[in-house]
Amino acid sequence: MSYNKLERPTANESDVIIVKLGLTLQQIINVDEKNQILTTNVWLNFEWLDYNLRWNKSDYGGVSDLRIPPKFLWTPDVLMYNSADEGFSSTYPTNVVVTSSGMCTYIPPGIFLSTCRIDITWYPFDDQKCNMKFGSWTYDSSKIDLQLQNEEGGDISGYITNGEWDLISVPAKRNTLSYSCCPEIYVDVTFQIHIRRRTLYYFSNLIMPCVLISSMALLGFTLPPDSGEKLTLATYFNCIMFMVASSVVLTVVVLNYHHRTPTTHAMPNWIRCLLLQWLPWILRMSRPGKKITRKTIMMNNKMRELELKERSSKSLLANVLDIDDDIRQIQAMGTGTPSHNGGYPRLVGRSYEEGGPIMTPHSSFCFNNTRELQSILRELRYITCQMRNEEEILDIVIDWKFAAMVVDRFCLITFTLYTVVATVVVILSAPHVLIS
């Protein structure tokens, strides 16, 4: 008898195939609170009886079981309904173990991405319950009866502990329901993964600092008014809070300066003067190959003034093309532009007679060479302009990064002095600090 993997392996068409489903949870890989997706490493366990795969092992040399790839056998089309995977089914097709009685055992492993309703109302003391709903996609309960392999739920004997979440339990439930699309009754098995967030990390890094800061404010009310330290403690607490808030704001400014580019921001003159010249000179900072001194600052400012004066004295076209006026006049003469006296300059090889200009072979050769030279000159100007623009962009980006470094160094020195001075002043203002 030939085997057909497209038909349900039953003796009669009215018979129901009982498929037992189990789940072994190996690892919780990730809990994505933002996208509400749970990623797990899971082994599924399917068991069913294939009527067409029974044999008498005594007739086949005592062979009691076989390992057959699932593509050659009928397998139940059980999928996870709430899958968030692009391929929807993420199991690896392992071999199916078939015994001589026709019992098939199929244990495909896989990395499952399932949708999960994340509730962070009590964060970081929250529990999450994520469901993994499995059921046949096309067969109703009259064709396939999906049952639990273990009534206690999923197997967690080989579970690898997660560093952020504690696994509480993996209960399972069998459900029968009908959908609006179809009148038949469908069966599904839902495993619920109950996890609880580990709070030690959040307690030591989030809760404990907040409690300590709050206790500093509360301790001020426990001091007697005549001791003198009641206002001092509150003053010191306010100074520390001001320093922390200011450091956060200035850190944002430093990061903003560090990532600026010429396409988004133009450096104002006051920032260039303050953060690239005077403040680095005061803080004794230098750049590779550029020693910042008072003399170099004055020379750079003088060169910038001379450059602005030179640009203001040139014509508008010369400023746009970044060329000199005298070069512009020479090029105008070479291309036959009308001169100041209203006529045209003489070109090499051109003569004027009563009948008009006569082009000699020598003059035609010079004219063609002049056009080629002009084309080459335009290409060279374009390449030079691109290289100059790239160098200018790189210089501006480096200037912004150095400005961020200067602000960072200034904040380091300023806040260090502020912390030391505030601590010393508060301690020395207390009347009983020094023990005689």
Protein backbone atom coordinates (compact mmCIF):
# COMPACT_ATOMS: atom_id res chain seq x y z
CA MET A 1 0.00 0.00 0.00
CA SER A 2 1.38 3.39 -1.00
CA TYR A 3 1.56 6.18 1.57
CA ASN A 4 -0.11 9.52 0.79
CA LYS A 5 0.98 12.35 3.08
CA LEU A 6 -1.94 14.55 1.96
CA GLU A 7 -4.66 12.42 3.59
CA ARG A 8 -5.43 12.14 7.26
CA PRO A 9 -3.99 8.82 8.48
CA THR A 10 -7.15 7.26 9.90
CA ALA A 11 -8.95 3.99 9.30
CA ASN A 12 -12.25 5.81 8.65
CA GLU A 13 -12.83 9.35 7.49
CA SER A 14 -15.12 9.98 10.46
CA ASP A 15 -12.40 9.11 12.99
CA VAL A 16 -10.69 11.90 14.92
CA ILE A 17 -6.91 12.07 15.20
CA ILE A 18 -5.85 12.81 18.76
CA VAL A 19 -2.77 15.05 18.83
CA LYS A 20 -1.11 15.57 22.19
CA LEU A 21 0.90 18.75 22.55
CA GLY A 22 3.57 19.53 25.12
CA LEU A 23 5.95 22.46 25.54
CA THR A 24 9.45 22.57 27.01
CA LEU A 25 10.66 26.07 27.89
CA GLN A 26 14.42 26.34 27.54
CA GLN A 27 15.08 30.06 27.87
CA ILE A 28 13.45 33.50 27.96
CA ILE A 29 15.61 35.42 25.52
CA ASN A 30 14.04 38.88 25.59
CA VAL A 31 11.00 40.77 26.84
CA ASP A 32 10.41 43.79 24.60
CA GLU A 33 8.15 46.09 26.63
CA LYS A 34 7.95 48.74 23.90
CA ASN A 35 6.85 46.44 21.06
CA GLN A 36 5.13 43.98 23.44
CA ILE A 37 6.94 40.91 22.11
CA LEU A 38 8.24 37.93 24.09
CA THR A 39 11.16 35.97 22.62
CA THR A 40 11.62 32.42 23.91
CA ASN A 41 13.56 29.27 23.13
CA VAL A 42 10.99 26.47 23.10
CA TRP A 43 10.77 22.80 22.19
CA LEU A 44 7.35 21.60 21.06
CA ASN A 45 6.33 17.97 21.54
CA PHE A 46 3.67 16.40 19.25
CA GLU A 47 2.35 12.86 19.54
CA TRP A 48 -0.27 11.25 17.29
CA LEU A 49 -1.16 7.81 15.88
CA ASP A 50 -0.63 7.30 12.14
CA TYR A 51 -2.80 4.38 11.03
CA ASN A 52 -0.93 3.99 7.73
CA LEU A 53 2.54 3.62 9.33
CA ARG A 54 2.00 0.41 11.32
CA TRP A 55 4.10 -2.70 10.64
CA ASN A 56 5.00 -6.01 12.19
CA LYS A 57 8.59 -5.60 13.35
CA SER A 58 9.18 -9.36 13.17
CA ASP A 59 8.66 -9.13 9.40
CA TYR A 60 11.35 -6.47 9.05
CA GLY A 61 14.25 -7.85 11.04
CA GLY A 62 13.10 -6.52 14.39
CA VAL A 63 13.02 -2.84 13.33
CA SER A 64 10.87 -1.20 15.96
CA ASP A 65 11.19 2.51 15.03
CA LEU A 66 12.24 4.80 12.21
CA ARG A 67 13.40 8.42 11.85
CA ILE A 68 11.68 10.07 8.91
CA PRO A 69 11.88 13.73 7.75
CA PRO A 70 8.52 15.47 8.26
CA LYS A 71 8.22 16.42 4.58
CA PHE A 72 7.54 12.76 3.75
CA LEU A 73 4.80 12.29 6.36
CA TRP A 74 1.46 13.75 7.30
CA THR A 75 1.94 16.19 10.17
CA PRO A 76 -0.67 18.29 12.00
CA ASP A 77 -0.75 21.90 10.83
CA VAL A 78 -0.49 23.30 14.36
CA LEU A 79 0.77 26.89 14.51
CA MET A 80 1.11 29.54 17.18
CA TYR A 81 -1.80 31.93 16.67
CA ASN A 82 -0.19 34.98 18.31
CA SER A 83 3.13 34.70 16.48
CA ALA A 84 5.05 37.93 15.78
CA ASP A 85 7.64 36.27 13.55
CA GLU A 86 7.94 37.33 9.91
CA GLY A 87 7.84 33.69 8.80
CA PHE A 88 5.04 32.97 11.33
CA SER A 89 6.33 29.42 11.89
CA SER A 90 9.83 29.46 13.39
CA THR A 91 10.40 25.76 14.22
CA TYR A 92 13.20 23.63 12.82
CA PRO A 93 11.91 20.54 10.92
CA THR A 94 13.54 17.69 12.84
CA ASN A 95 12.92 14.04 12.08
CA VAL A 96 9.75 12.31 13.19
CA VAL A 97 10.26 9.17 15.30
CA VAL A 98 7.77 6.52 14.13
CA THR A 99 7.28 3.25 16.04
CA SER A 100 5.95 -0.02 14.67
CA SER A 101 2.57 0.67 16.30
CA GLY A 102 2.20 3.85 14.21
CA MET A 103 2.87 6.27 17.10
CA CYS A 104 4.62 9.41 15.79
CA THR A 105 6.69 11.71 18.00
CA TYR A 106 7.72 15.06 16.59
CA ILE A 107 9.81 17.50 18.72
CA PRO A 108 10.70 20.60 16.67
CA PRO A 109 12.76 23.29 18.49
CA GLY A 110 12.48 26.96 17.64
CA ILE A 111 12.93 30.59 18.64
CA PHE A 112 9.39 31.92 19.12
CA LEU A 113 8.36 35.57 18.95
CA SER A 114 4.92 35.89 20.51
CA THR A 115 2.78 38.95 21.14
CA CYS A 116 2.27 39.75 24.81
CA ARG A 117 0.21 42.42 26.55
CA ILE A 118 2.78 44.17 28.76
CA ASP A 119 1.43 45.99 31.82
CA ILE A 120 4.01 48.22 33.54
CA THR A 121 1.65 49.84 36.06
CA TRP A 122 3.70 48.55 39.00
CA TYR A 123 7.13 48.85 37.36
CA PRO A 124 9.67 47.71 38.52
CA PHE A 125 7.58 45.44 40.80
CA ASP A 126 5.55 44.04 37.91
CA ASP A 127 4.45 40.55 36.87
CA GLN A 128 3.84 39.68 33.24
CA LYS A 129 1.69 36.86 31.90
CA CYS A 130 2.36 36.06 28.25
CA ASN A 131 0.29 33.51 26.35
CA MET A 132 1.42 31.15 23.61
CA LYS A 133 -1.68 29.89 21.81
CA PHE A 134 -1.31 26.79 19.59
CA GLY A 135 -3.97 25.27 17.38
CA SER A 136 -4.67 23.65 14.03
CA TRP A 137 -5.00 26.17 11.24
CA THR A 138 -7.42 24.25 9.01
CA TYR A 139 -8.73 21.21 10.91
CA ASP A 140 -11.65 21.63 13.31
CA SER A 141 -12.36 19.48 16.36
CA SER A 142 -14.08 16.79 14.27
CA LYS A 143 -10.82 16.16 12.39
CA ILE A 144 -8.10 16.84 14.99
CA ASP A 145 -8.56 16.79 18.74
CA LEU A 146 -5.71 18.75 20.27
CA GLN A 147 -5.03 17.69 23.87
CA LEU A 148 -2.52 18.52 26.58
CA GLN A 149 0.38 16.15 26.96
CA ASN A 150 0.82 17.22 30.59
CA GLU A 151 -2.03 18.71 32.57
CA GLU A 152 0.40 20.57 34.83
CA GLY A 153 1.58 22.72 31.95
CA GLY A 154 4.93 23.25 30.29
CA ASP A 155 8.13 21.45 31.20
CA ILE A 156 10.68 23.79 32.89
CA SER A 157 13.16 21.17 34.13
CA GLY A 158 15.85 22.37 31.70
CA TYR A 159 15.06 26.08 31.99
CA ILE A 160 18.04 28.51 31.90
CA THR A 161 17.57 31.30 34.44
CA ASN A 162 17.11 34.79 33.04
CA GLY A 163 19.08 37.65 34.57
CA GLU A 164 16.20 40.13 34.53
CA TRP A 165 13.09 37.96 34.98
CA ASP A 166 12.12 35.20 37.40
CA LEU A 167 10.01 32.35 35.97
CA ILE A 168 7.03 31.69 38.23
CA SER A 169 5.11 29.01 36.33
CA VAL A 170 4.01 27.81 32.88
CA PRO A 171 0.41 26.59 33.24
CA ALA A 172 -1.56 25.34 30.24
CA LYS A 173 -5.24 25.20 29.29
CA ARG A 174 -7.23 23.51 26.53
CA ASN A 175 -9.93 25.71 24.92
CA THR A 176 -12.74 25.00 22.47
CA LEU A 177 -14.32 27.90 20.64
CA SER A 178 -15.82 28.90 17.31
CA TYR A 179 -14.81 31.91 15.24
CA SER A 180 -16.94 34.36 13.31
CA CYS A 181 -15.56 33.13 10.00
CA CYS A 182 -16.45 29.48 10.50
CA PRO A 183 -19.31 27.60 12.21
CA GLU A 184 -17.08 24.67 13.23
CA ILE A 185 -15.55 24.33 16.67
CA TYR A 186 -11.77 24.63 16.88
CA VAL A 187 -9.50 23.45 19.67
CA ASP A 188 -6.42 25.27 20.93
CA VAL A 189 -3.90 24.75 23.72
CA THR A 190 -2.66 27.92 25.45
CA PHE A 191 0.50 27.99 27.54
CA GLN A 192 0.82 30.95 29.88
CA ILE A 193 4.35 32.06 30.81
CA HIS A 194 4.19 33.83 34.17
CA ILE A 195 7.34 35.90 34.86
CA ARG A 196 8.28 38.45 37.52
CA ARG A 197 10.84 41.20 37.15
CA ARG A 198 13.95 40.97 39.32
CA THR A 199 14.06 44.13 41.46
CA LEU A 200 17.60 43.99 42.89
CA TYR A 201 19.14 45.93 40.02
CA TYR A 202 16.42 48.58 40.04
CA PHE A 203 16.46 48.75 43.84
CA SER A 204 20.19 49.44 44.04
CA ASN A 205 20.41 51.78 41.03
CA LEU A 206 17.06 53.57 41.05
CA ILE A 207 15.12 53.19 44.29
CA MET A 208 17.95 53.40 46.82
CA PRO A 209 19.46 56.66 45.44
CA CYS A 210 16.01 58.29 45.47
CA VAL A 211 15.41 57.13 49.04
CA LEU A 212 18.79 58.48 50.19
CA ILE A 213 18.21 61.83 48.53
CA SER A 214 14.74 62.07 50.07
CA SER A 215 16.08 61.08 53.49
CA MET A 216 18.55 63.96 53.38
CA ALA A 217 15.64 66.35 53.09
CA LEU A 218 13.72 64.59 55.88
CA LEU A 219 16.68 64.49 58.27
CA GLY A 220 16.73 68.26 58.33
CA PHE A 221 13.45 68.26 60.26
CA THR A 222 14.91 65.99 62.98
CA LEU A 223 17.60 68.48 63.98
CA PRO A 224 16.85 70.92 66.85
CA PRO A 225 16.46 74.55 65.72
CA ASP A 226 19.13 75.84 68.10
CA SER A 227 21.85 73.52 66.82
CA GLY A 228 22.59 75.64 63.75
CA GLU A 229 22.91 72.69 61.34
CA LYS A 230 19.24 72.63 60.34
CA LEU A 231 19.64 75.31 57.67
CA THR A 232 23.18 74.21 56.81
CA LEU A 233 22.09 70.70 55.84
CA ALA A 234 19.26 72.04 53.70
CA THR A 235 21.66 74.49 52.03
CA TYR A 236 24.13 71.75 51.21
CA PHE A 237 21.36 69.54 49.87
CA ASN A 238 20.12 72.36 47.61
CA CYS A 239 23.65 72.99 46.36
CA ILE A 240 24.09 69.34 45.38
CA MET A 241 20.71 69.25 43.63
CA PHE A 242 21.59 72.42 41.70
CA MET A 243 24.92 70.94 40.65
CA VAL A 244 23.34 67.68 39.44
CA ALA A 245 20.64 69.49 37.45
CA SER A 246 23.18 71.86 35.90
CA SER A 247 25.50 69.01 34.96
CA VAL A 248 22.69 67.25 33.10
CA VAL A 249 21.85 70.41 31.14
CA LEU A 250 25.48 71.09 30.25
CA THR A 251 26.01 67.45 29.25
CA VAL A 252 23.19 67.86 26.73
CA VAL A 253 24.90 71.00 25.40
CA VAL A 254 28.23 69.17 25.05
CA LEU A 255 26.61 66.29 23.13
CA ASN A 256 24.77 68.78 20.92
CA TYR A 257 28.00 70.57 20.03
CA HIS A 258 29.85 67.29 19.48
CA HIS A 259 27.41 66.01 16.84
CA ARG A 260 26.87 69.25 14.90
CA THR A 261 27.75 69.45 11.19
CA PRO A 262 27.93 72.34 8.69
CA THR A 263 24.77 71.09 6.98
CA THR A 264 22.71 71.67 10.14
CA HIS A 265 24.46 74.43 12.09
CA ALA A 266 26.68 77.40 11.31
CA MET A 267 29.21 78.34 13.98
CA PRO A 268 28.58 81.91 15.20
CA ASN A 269 31.52 84.26 15.60
CA TRP A 270 31.07 84.55 19.36
CA ILE A 271 31.30 80.76 19.79
CA ARG A 272 34.39 80.66 17.57
CA CYS A 273 36.00 83.47 19.55
CA LEU A 274 35.03 82.17 22.99
CA LEU A 275 35.27 78.37 22.68
CA LEU A 276 38.04 78.07 20.08
CA GLN A 277 40.34 80.88 21.18
CA TRP A 278 40.03 82.59 24.55
CA LEU A 279 38.59 79.83 26.74
CA PRO A 280 41.08 77.17 25.51
CA TRP A 281 43.86 79.71 26.14
CA ILE A 282 42.63 80.29 29.69
CA LEU A 283 42.25 76.53 30.34
CA ARG A 284 45.69 75.83 28.78
CA MET A 285 44.21 73.55 26.12
CA SER A 286 45.83 73.01 22.74
CA ARG A 287 45.03 71.26 19.50
CA PRO A 288 47.39 68.94 17.58
CA GLY A 289 49.65 71.17 15.49
CA LYS A 290 47.96 74.35 16.73
CA LYS A 291 49.31 75.97 19.85
CA ILE A 292 46.80 78.45 21.23
CA THR A 293 48.44 81.59 22.60
CA ARG A 294 47.45 85.20 22.91
CA LYS A 295 49.64 86.06 19.94
CA THR A 296 48.05 83.43 17.66
CA ILE A 297 44.57 84.60 18.70
CA MET A 298 45.37 88.19 17.72
CA MET A 299 46.95 87.07 14.43
CA ASN A 300 43.93 84.92 13.51
CA ASN A 301 41.55 87.79 14.22
CA LYS A 302 43.69 90.15 12.10
CA MET A 303 43.79 87.67 9.20
CA ARG A 304 40.03 87.29 9.37
CA GLU A 305 39.58 91.08 9.20
CA LEU A 306 41.90 91.31 6.19
CA GLU A 307 40.01 88.50 4.44
CA LEU A 308 36.68 90.27 5.00
CA LYS A 309 38.12 93.52 3.64
CA GLU A 310 39.49 91.73 0.58
CA ARG A 311 36.13 90.12 -0.11
CA SER A 312 34.33 93.44 0.27
CA SER A 313 36.69 95.10 -2.26
CA LYS A 314 36.16 92.42 -4.93
CA SER A 315 33.24 92.37 -7.31
CA LEU A 316 30.18 90.24 -6.67
CA LEU A 317 30.98 87.80 -9.49
CA ALA A 318 34.55 87.37 -8.24
CA ASN A 319 33.30 86.59 -4.73
CA VAL A 320 30.80 84.03 -6.04
CA LEU A 321 33.38 82.29 -8.28
CA ASP A 322 36.17 82.77 -5.72
CA ILE A 323 38.55 84.32 -8.28
CA ASP A 324 40.42 87.61 -8.58
CA ASP A 325 39.18 90.52 -10.65
CA ASP A 326 42.38 90.73 -12.73
CA ILE A 327 42.10 87.04 -13.71
CA ARG A 328 38.51 87.71 -14.71
CA GLN A 329 39.61 90.54 -17.00
CA ILE A 330 42.32 88.40 -18.62
CA GLN A 331 39.83 85.62 -19.28
CA ALA A 332 37.42 88.15 -20.73
CA MET A 333 40.13 89.36 -23.12
CA GLY A 334 41.03 85.81 -24.14
CA THR A 335 37.40 84.91 -24.95
CA GLY A 336 36.72 87.98 -27.08
CA THR A 337 34.70 89.98 -24.57
CA PRO A 338 34.19 93.61 -25.63
CA SER A 339 36.92 95.88 -24.25
CA HIS A 340 36.45 99.27 -22.62
CA ASN A 341 36.80 101.13 -25.95
CA GLY A 342 33.87 99.26 -27.44
CA GLY A 343 35.87 97.04 -29.84
CA TYR A 344 37.12 93.49 -29.72
CA PRO A 345 40.74 92.60 -28.94
CA ARG A 346 42.79 90.99 -31.62
CA LEU A 347 43.14 87.21 -31.47
CA VAL A 348 46.14 85.35 -32.75
CA GLY A 349 45.68 84.40 -36.41
CA ARG A 350 42.67 86.70 -36.98
CA SER A 351 42.84 89.59 -39.51
CA TYR A 352 40.23 92.13 -40.42
CA GLU A 353 39.55 93.11 -44.01
CA GLU A 354 36.68 94.73 -45.78
CA GLY A 355 34.89 91.46 -46.16
CA GLY A 356 35.02 90.67 -42.42
CA PRO A 357 37.33 88.44 -40.32
CA ILE A 358 39.16 85.66 -42.12
CA MET A 359 39.92 82.45 -40.13
CA THR A 360 43.25 80.99 -41.13
CA PRO A 361 44.16 77.35 -40.34
CA HIS A 362 46.57 78.60 -37.69
CA SER A 363 43.87 80.71 -36.04
CA SER A 364 41.35 77.82 -36.15
CA PHE A 365 43.88 75.52 -34.46
CA CYS A 366 44.49 78.08 -31.70
CA PHE A 367 40.76 78.62 -31.24
CA ASN A 368 40.09 74.86 -30.81
CA ASN A 369 42.97 74.54 -28.36
CA THR A 370 41.63 77.51 -26.40
CA ARG A 371 38.22 75.84 -26.04
CA GLU A 372 39.80 72.57 -24.86
CA LEU A 373 41.95 74.43 -22.36
CA GLN A 374 38.88 76.26 -21.07
CA SER A 375 37.03 72.93 -20.61
CA ILE A 376 40.01 71.47 -18.75
CA LEU A 377 40.19 74.61 -16.63
CA ARG A 378 36.51 74.31 -15.70
CA GLU A 379 36.93 70.66 -14.69
CA LEU A 380 39.98 71.50 -12.59
CA ARG A 381 38.09 74.32 -10.90
CA TYR A 382 35.19 71.97 -10.11
CA ILE A 383 37.47 69.31 -8.63
CA THR A 384 39.39 71.93 -6.67
CA CYS A 385 36.14 73.43 -5.40
CA GLN A 386 34.87 70.00 -4.25
CA MET A 387 38.11 69.25 -2.45
CA ARG A 388 38.07 72.67 -0.81
CA ASN A 389 34.46 72.17 0.31
CA GLU A 390 35.26 68.76 1.84
CA GLU A 391 38.23 70.24 3.70
CA GLU A 392 36.11 73.13 4.98
CA ILE A 393 33.35 70.74 6.15
CA LEU A 394 35.91 68.57 7.95
CA ASP A 395 37.48 71.63 9.59
CA ILE A 396 34.09 72.86 10.81
CA VAL A 397 33.17 69.42 12.22
CA ILE A 398 36.53 69.31 14.04
CA ASP A 399 35.91 72.83 15.38
CA TRP A 400 32.53 71.77 16.82
CA LYS A 401 34.09 68.71 18.45
CA PHE A 402 36.84 70.82 19.97
CA ALA A 403 34.24 73.32 21.22
CA ALA A 404 32.41 70.45 22.94
CA MET A 405 35.70 69.33 24.49
CA VAL A 406 36.34 72.86 25.77
CA VAL A 407 32.87 73.07 27.36
CA ASP A 408 33.41 69.63 28.93
CA ARG A 409 36.77 70.67 30.41
CA PHE A 410 35.32 73.95 31.66
CA CYS A 411 32.43 72.11 33.36
CA LEU A 412 34.84 69.61 34.94
CA ILE A 413 36.95 72.34 36.51
CA THR A 414 33.96 74.49 37.47
CA PHE A 415 31.94 71.72 39.13
CA THR A 416 35.00 70.35 40.90
CA LEU A 417 35.71 73.75 42.43
CA TYR A 418 32.01 74.20 43.20
CA THR A 419 31.79 70.84 45.00
CA VAL A 420 34.97 71.41 46.99
CA VAL A 421 34.06 74.99 47.97
CA ALA A 422 30.45 74.12 48.88
CA THR A 423 31.55 71.14 50.98
CA VAL A 424 34.24 73.13 52.79
CA VAL A 425 31.94 76.08 53.43
CA VAL A 426 29.14 73.90 54.81
CA ILE A 427 31.49 71.88 57.00
CA LEU A 428 33.31 74.94 58.38
CA SER A 429 30.03 76.71 59.10
CA ALA A 430 29.07 73.98 61.59
CA PRO A 431 30.13 74.91 65.13
CA HIS A 432 31.10 71.41 66.35
CA VAL A 433 32.99 69.89 63.43
CA LEU A 434 36.51 70.16 64.85
CA ILE A 435 37.03 68.08 67.99
CA SER A 436 39.30 69.76 70.51
